[in-house]
Protein backbone atom coordinates (compact mmCIF):
# COMPACT_ATOMS: atom_id res chain seq x y z
CA MET A 1 -0.02 0.01 0.31
CA ILE A 2 1.22 3.35 -0.62
CA GLN A 3 1.13 6.06 1.82
CA THR A 4 0.54 9.68 0.60
CA ASN A 5 0.24 12.82 2.47
CA MET A 6 -3.09 13.41 0.66
CA PRO A 7 -5.95 14.37 2.77
CA GLU A 8 -9.04 12.23 2.26
CA TYR A 9 -11.60 14.97 1.23
CA PHE A 10 -11.58 18.69 0.06
CA TYR A 11 -13.67 21.06 1.28
CA CYS A 12 -14.60 23.84 -1.12
CA TYR A 13 -16.16 27.09 0.08
CA SER A 14 -15.96 28.92 -2.66
CA PRO A 15 -18.48 29.47 -5.20
CA ASN A 16 -16.20 30.28 -8.22
CA LEU A 17 -14.27 27.28 -7.49
CA PHE A 18 -17.34 25.18 -6.95
CA ARG A 19 -18.77 26.01 -10.48
CA PHE A 20 -14.89 25.19 -12.38
CA LEU A 21 -14.62 21.80 -10.63
CA THR A 22 -18.32 20.98 -11.22
CA LEU A 23 -19.67 22.42 -14.12
CA GLU A 24 -16.35 22.96 -16.32
CA ASN A 25 -14.30 19.91 -15.13
CA GLY A 26 -17.45 17.71 -14.51
CA ILE A 27 -15.83 16.65 -10.92
CA ARG A 28 -18.80 15.43 -8.62
CA TYR A 29 -19.19 16.32 -5.05
CA ILE A 30 -20.12 14.23 -2.05
CA CYS A 31 -22.09 16.41 -0.17
CA CYS A 32 -23.29 20.11 0.30
CA ALA A 33 -23.81 21.45 3.64
CA LEU A 34 -23.00 24.69 6.04
CA ASN A 35 -20.26 24.78 8.23
CA GLU A 36 -22.29 24.74 11.64
CA ASN A 37 -19.91 27.61 13.17
CA THR A 38 -19.83 30.17 9.82
CA LYS A 39 -22.96 29.18 8.44
CA LYS A 40 -21.01 29.27 5.17
CA LYS A 41 -21.81 26.71 2.48
CA PHE A 42 -19.11 24.26 1.11
CA TRP A 43 -18.95 21.08 -0.88
CA GLN A 44 -17.36 18.25 -0.09
CA TYR A 45 -15.22 16.46 -2.65
CA LYS A 46 -13.33 13.19 -2.65
CA SER A 47 -9.43 13.89 -3.09
CA THR A 48 -8.40 12.13 -6.53
CA PRO A 49 -5.44 12.95 -8.92
CA GLU A 50 -8.57 14.43 -11.33
CA LEU A 51 -9.64 16.49 -8.83
CA ASN A 52 -6.17 18.08 -7.71
CA ALA A 53 -5.07 18.60 -11.38
CA ALA A 54 -8.27 20.81 -11.69
CA LEU A 55 -7.02 22.52 -8.67
CA ARG A 56 -3.50 23.37 -9.84
CA ASN A 57 -5.53 24.67 -13.22
CA TYR A 58 -7.48 26.58 -11.36
CA ARG A 59 -5.03 28.18 -9.23
CA SER A 60 -3.04 28.86 -12.53
CA MET A 61 -5.78 30.80 -13.88
CA VAL A 62 -6.12 32.61 -11.10
CA LYS A 63 -2.89 33.69 -10.61
CA VAL A 64 -3.01 34.99 -14.51
CA GLN A 65 -6.37 36.46 -14.01
CA ILE A 66 -5.35 38.63 -10.88
CA GLY A 67 -1.96 38.47 -10.69
CA GLU A 68 0.13 36.52 -8.31
CA ASN A 69 1.12 39.84 -6.64
CA SER A 70 -1.95 41.21 -6.03
CA PRO A 71 -3.40 41.68 -2.73
CA ASN A 72 -6.54 40.41 -3.87
CA TYR A 73 -5.04 36.83 -4.72
CA THR A 74 -5.88 34.60 -1.72
CA TYR A 75 -5.90 31.08 -3.19
CA GLY A 76 -3.01 29.06 -2.02
CA THR A 77 0.11 30.88 -1.46
CA ASN A 78 2.20 33.41 -3.01
CA ARG A 79 5.17 31.49 -4.23
């Protein structure tokens, strides 16, 4: 059995990212719920190589659209 550091689930709190993953990439979410503390809606996805590839693609698109060094860049880290 191969051990990885990949978490079992990915929780998406961004409606834009949700639309990108689900509508543009056809990745199905497991469930949709409200965070009991913040009352923010989130979508739960099973971590898969396809999901990770889509997240990398989204991150690169966000960097290009608003600029990696922009104060509005909030997805991921500014590396």
